Amino acid sequence: MFSIFNNKQNGHDLKWLSVDMHSHLLPGINHESLDLEVAVDYIKQISELGISKIYCTSPILDNKDERFADKLAPAKEQLEAALVQAGVEMKLVQSAKYLVDADFKVTKDLITLPGNCVLLKMSYAEEAPNLKEVILELQKNGYKVVIVNPERYLYYHKSSASYYKLQELGVSFQLNLMSVMGHYGPAVKKMADHLQAMLFYDLAGTEGHDKRHLDMLLMNMREGDMFSKTRSYSFKNKDL
């Protein structure tokens, strides 16, 4: 793993982001979450890079699972206790990300970010057939919709009109920083760069749930040019 101190010397950090509003760090929630020890080490290093608050947005693949929400608080408390023991200061906020598919149900008690923002993801194979109806129903119930990593939905690459249509519905977009770093391939990186140039994004997140993600963050900040445009973008993370 690269040393964060080299990053500090080069003036590269994540202070421009400050708040990571999309991560999968709560231990034991699902297959994407980190082991407790790895999560503590990850948070320690990302705090030294300038992140002061992390939203733990655990993925909910079936929002009819009423037991899911009950798992979040104990997992957060376990992680907070481990951070205190390790001497790491970090503000953690439990939240969630929902998969929109044919079975998704809009309810009054969805787990949200501040401002009643609900994070939505879709299948990477095809757009949810009921997406527009879900968005309108969520808005009718007072939610603000955020589509996560829209640059990763390759079926939207065929026409930029797809992004405009979502924006016209009042949807916000969240950039996955791993896309900017080329983690998901050149086509996704190209679309992420394009959507930034078009000022389509409102938020950005690391979507951290893997030690490789931290290694890539460190590597790209050490090299210095991967975030040259992204770090000057007016993301609204600090408003959360």
Protein backbone atom coordinates (compact mmCIF):
# COMPACT_ATOMS: atom_id res chain seq x y z
CA MET A 1 0.00 0.00 0.00
CA PHE A 2 1.27 3.49 -0.84
CA SER A 3 2.20 5.85 1.98
CA ILE A 4 -0.23 8.67 2.63
CA PHE A 5 2.66 10.87 3.73
CA ASN A 6 3.92 11.06 0.15
CA ASN A 7 0.47 12.32 -0.79
CA LYS A 8 0.63 15.03 1.88
CA GLN A 9 4.01 16.18 0.67
CA ASN A 10 2.68 16.46 -2.87
CA GLY A 11 -0.40 18.34 -1.67
CA HIS A 12 -2.79 15.63 -2.82
CA ASP A 13 -5.68 14.76 -0.55
CA LEU A 14 -9.46 14.48 -0.32
CA LYS A 15 -10.09 17.69 1.61
CA TRP A 16 -11.91 19.01 -1.45
CA LEU A 17 -14.47 16.23 -0.94
CA SER A 18 -14.49 16.25 2.88
CA VAL A 19 -17.64 14.10 3.14
CA ASP A 20 -17.81 10.63 1.61
CA MET A 21 -21.53 10.18 1.05
CA HIS A 22 -21.40 6.65 -0.41
CA SER A 23 -19.48 3.78 1.17
CA HIS A 24 -20.05 0.19 2.25
CA LEU A 25 -18.14 0.02 5.50
CA LEU A 26 -20.49 -1.34 8.16
CA PRO A 27 -19.22 -4.81 9.12
CA GLY A 28 -21.34 -7.91 8.64
CA ILE A 29 -24.23 -6.25 6.77
CA ASN A 30 -23.77 -7.97 3.41
CA HIS A 31 -21.14 -9.43 1.08
CA GLU A 32 -19.90 -5.95 0.10
CA SER A 33 -19.02 -4.82 3.63
CA LEU A 34 -15.47 -4.91 4.95
CA ASP A 35 -14.15 -6.98 7.82
CA LEU A 36 -14.02 -4.86 10.98
CA GLU A 37 -10.22 -4.67 11.14
CA VAL A 38 -9.93 -3.73 7.46
CA ALA A 39 -12.71 -1.14 7.82
CA VAL A 40 -10.91 0.53 10.73
CA ASP A 41 -7.64 0.68 8.77
CA TYR A 42 -9.48 2.03 5.72
CA ILE A 43 -11.20 4.76 7.74
CA LYS A 44 -7.96 5.68 9.53
CA GLN A 45 -6.18 6.30 6.26
CA ILE A 46 -9.07 8.06 4.52
CA SER A 47 -9.38 10.38 7.53
CA GLU A 48 -5.72 11.30 7.11
CA LEU A 49 -6.53 12.18 3.52
CA GLY A 50 -9.09 14.78 4.64
CA ILE A 51 -12.40 12.91 4.93
CA SER A 52 -14.19 14.03 8.12
CA LYS A 53 -17.60 12.33 7.70
CA ILE A 54 -18.63 9.05 6.10
CA TYR A 55 -22.13 7.96 5.17
CA CYS A 56 -22.29 4.16 5.43
CA THR A 57 -24.76 3.47 2.64
CA SER A 58 -25.30 -0.27 2.92
CA PRO A 59 -26.87 -1.78 -0.22
CA ILE A 60 -30.46 -3.00 0.13
CA LEU A 61 -31.22 -5.49 -2.60
CA ASP A 62 -34.71 -6.23 -1.31
CA ASN A 63 -36.42 -3.31 0.41
CA LYS A 64 -39.18 -5.59 1.66
CA ASP A 65 -36.69 -7.03 4.18
CA GLU A 66 -37.99 -5.37 7.36
CA ARG A 67 -35.08 -6.77 9.39
CA PHE A 68 -32.44 -4.95 7.38
CA ALA A 69 -32.81 -1.59 9.14
CA ASP A 70 -32.42 -3.28 12.52
CA LYS A 71 -28.92 -4.45 11.55
CA LEU A 72 -27.55 -0.97 10.80
CA ALA A 73 -27.35 0.60 14.28
CA PRO A 74 -25.56 -2.35 15.95
CA ALA A 75 -23.07 -2.55 13.06
CA LYS A 76 -22.39 1.19 13.27
CA GLU A 77 -21.91 1.00 17.04
CA GLN A 78 -19.48 -1.90 16.62
CA LEU A 79 -17.45 0.04 14.07
CA GLU A 80 -17.49 3.23 16.18
CA ALA A 81 -16.23 1.31 19.21
CA ALA A 82 -13.41 -0.18 17.16
CA LEU A 83 -12.47 3.29 15.86
CA VAL A 84 -12.34 4.69 19.40
CA GLN A 85 -10.12 1.81 20.48
CA ALA A 86 -7.82 2.50 17.52
CA GLY A 87 -7.75 6.24 18.28
CA VAL A 88 -9.41 7.18 15.00
CA GLU A 89 -11.76 10.17 14.85
CA MET A 90 -14.50 9.92 12.24
CA LYS A 91 -18.16 10.90 12.08
CA LEU A 92 -20.17 7.92 10.84
CA VAL A 93 -23.76 8.14 9.62
CA GLN A 94 -25.78 5.04 8.80
CA SER A 95 -27.78 5.12 5.59
CA ALA A 96 -28.61 2.89 2.64
CA LYS A 97 -28.70 2.45 -1.11
CA TYR A 98 -31.65 0.77 -2.83
CA LEU A 99 -31.74 -1.46 -5.89
CA VAL A 100 -34.58 -0.46 -8.19
CA ASP A 101 -36.08 -3.43 -9.95
CA ALA A 102 -39.58 -4.66 -10.78
CA ASP A 103 -40.15 -5.56 -7.12
CA PHE A 104 -39.07 -2.24 -5.58
CA LYS A 105 -41.73 -0.70 -3.37
CA VAL A 106 -41.98 2.94 -2.33
CA THR A 107 -42.64 3.15 1.41
CA LYS A 108 -42.77 5.95 3.97
CA ASP A 109 -39.76 4.67 5.92
CA LEU A 110 -36.95 4.40 3.39
CA ILE A 111 -33.48 5.05 4.84
CA THR A 112 -32.21 8.33 3.45
CA LEU A 113 -29.45 10.92 3.47
CA PRO A 114 -30.11 14.46 4.81
CA GLY A 115 -32.76 16.33 2.87
CA ASN A 116 -34.71 13.07 2.49
CA CYS A 117 -32.40 12.01 -0.35
CA VAL A 118 -32.76 8.36 -1.32
CA LEU A 119 -29.92 6.63 -3.17
CA LEU A 120 -30.95 4.42 -6.08
CA LYS A 121 -28.99 1.97 -8.19
CA MET A 122 -30.07 -0.25 -11.06
CA SER A 123 -28.93 -3.42 -12.73
CA TYR A 124 -25.89 -2.91 -14.93
CA ALA A 125 -27.52 -5.13 -17.56
CA GLU A 126 -30.61 -3.04 -18.29
CA GLU A 127 -32.61 -0.06 -17.04
CA ALA A 128 -35.33 -0.80 -14.53
CA PRO A 129 -38.54 -0.96 -16.60
CA ASN A 130 -40.47 0.98 -13.97
CA LEU A 131 -37.77 3.58 -13.22
CA LYS A 132 -39.78 6.66 -14.21
CA GLU A 133 -42.79 5.51 -12.21
CA VAL A 134 -40.60 4.81 -9.15
CA ILE A 135 -38.96 8.24 -9.37
CA LEU A 136 -42.31 10.04 -9.63
CA GLU A 137 -43.77 7.99 -6.76
CA LEU A 138 -40.76 8.73 -4.56
CA GLN A 139 -41.05 12.44 -5.29
CA LYS A 140 -44.77 12.32 -4.57
CA ASN A 141 -43.89 10.93 -1.15
CA GLY A 142 -41.40 13.71 -0.41
CA TYR A 143 -38.15 11.99 -1.37
CA LYS A 144 -35.34 13.50 -3.42
CA VAL A 145 -33.88 10.95 -5.81
CA VAL A 146 -30.14 10.42 -6.32
CA ILE A 147 -29.01 7.98 -9.02
CA VAL A 148 -25.63 6.55 -8.03
CA ASN A 149 -22.77 6.12 -10.55
CA PRO A 150 -24.88 6.85 -13.67
CA GLU A 151 -21.69 6.67 -15.72
CA ARG A 152 -21.57 2.91 -15.12
CA TYR A 153 -24.86 2.14 -16.88
CA LEU A 154 -23.51 1.27 -20.30
CA TYR A 155 -26.99 1.21 -21.86
CA TYR A 156 -27.13 4.98 -21.30
CA HIS A 157 -23.90 5.49 -23.25
CA LYS A 158 -25.76 4.99 -26.52
CA SER A 159 -27.53 8.33 -26.12
CA SER A 160 -26.88 11.29 -23.81
CA ALA A 161 -30.62 11.98 -24.06
CA SER A 162 -31.12 9.31 -21.37
CA TYR A 163 -29.25 11.46 -18.85
CA TYR A 164 -31.16 14.59 -19.83
CA LYS A 165 -34.47 12.78 -19.39
CA LEU A 166 -33.52 11.75 -15.88
CA GLN A 167 -32.34 15.25 -15.07
CA GLU A 168 -35.62 16.67 -16.37
CA LEU A 169 -37.40 14.44 -13.85
CA GLY A 170 -35.54 16.27 -11.08
CA VAL A 171 -33.05 13.47 -10.38
CA SER A 172 -29.58 14.16 -8.98
CA PHE A 173 -26.48 12.22 -10.02
CA GLN A 174 -23.65 10.88 -7.87
CA LEU A 175 -20.19 10.28 -9.31
CA ASN A 176 -18.27 7.16 -8.32
CA LEU A 177 -14.66 8.28 -7.87
CA MET A 178 -13.50 4.83 -8.93
CA SER A 179 -14.95 5.62 -12.38
CA VAL A 180 -12.71 8.66 -12.72
CA MET A 181 -9.73 6.46 -11.91
CA GLY A 182 -10.57 4.05 -14.72
CA HIS A 183 -11.45 1.17 -12.39
CA TYR A 184 -14.48 0.19 -14.47
CA GLY A 185 -12.83 0.61 -17.87
CA PRO A 186 -12.20 3.39 -20.39
CA ALA A 187 -15.81 3.74 -21.55
CA VAL A 188 -17.05 4.41 -18.00
CA LYS A 189 -14.19 6.83 -17.32
CA LYS A 190 -14.96 8.69 -20.57
CA MET A 191 -18.62 9.05 -19.61
CA ALA A 192 -17.71 10.19 -16.09
CA ASP A 193 -15.46 12.87 -17.58
CA HIS A 194 -18.23 13.88 -19.99
CA LEU A 195 -20.89 14.16 -17.29
CA GLN A 196 -18.52 16.26 -15.21
CA ALA A 197 -17.91 18.55 -18.18
CA MET A 198 -21.69 18.88 -18.60
CA LEU A 199 -22.04 19.67 -14.86
CA PHE A 200 -24.50 16.81 -14.37
CA TYR A 201 -23.18 15.64 -11.00
CA ASP A 202 -24.31 16.93 -7.61
CA LEU A 203 -22.47 14.50 -5.33
CA ALA A 204 -19.45 12.20 -5.31
CA GLY A 205 -18.52 9.15 -3.29
CA THR A 206 -15.70 6.65 -3.01
CA GLU A 207 -18.14 3.73 -2.80
CA GLY A 208 -15.39 2.17 -0.71
CA HIS A 209 -15.88 -1.44 0.29
CA ASP A 210 -12.59 -3.00 -0.74
CA LYS A 211 -8.95 -2.59 0.26
CA ARG A 212 -8.15 -2.27 -3.44
CA HIS A 213 -10.26 0.90 -3.53
CA LEU A 214 -8.10 2.60 -0.91
CA ASP A 215 -4.94 1.47 -2.68
CA MET A 216 -6.23 2.98 -5.92
CA LEU A 217 -7.18 6.24 -4.21
CA LEU A 218 -3.70 6.53 -2.77
CA MET A 219 -2.02 5.63 -6.04
CA ASN A 220 -4.00 8.16 -8.07
CA MET A 221 -3.48 10.99 -5.61
CA ARG A 222 0.21 10.16 -5.50
CA GLU A 223 0.41 10.46 -9.27
CA GLY A 224 -1.44 13.72 -8.92
CA ASP A 225 -3.35 14.20 -12.17
CA MET A 226 -6.33 11.82 -11.97
CA PHE A 227 -8.40 14.21 -9.87
CA SER A 228 -7.12 17.43 -11.50
CA LYS A 229 -10.61 18.25 -12.85
CA THR A 230 -12.68 16.41 -10.26
CA ARG A 231 -11.14 18.21 -7.27
CA SER A 232 -12.26 21.59 -8.65
CA TYR A 233 -15.84 20.44 -9.35
CA SER A 234 -18.54 22.02 -7.17
CA PHE A 235 -19.86 18.90 -5.45
CA LYS A 236 -22.44 19.42 -2.70
CA ASN A 237 -21.05 16.80 -0.31
CA LYS A 238 -20.13 19.36 2.35
CA ASP A 239 -23.80 20.39 2.55
CA LEU A 240 -24.76 16.96 3.85
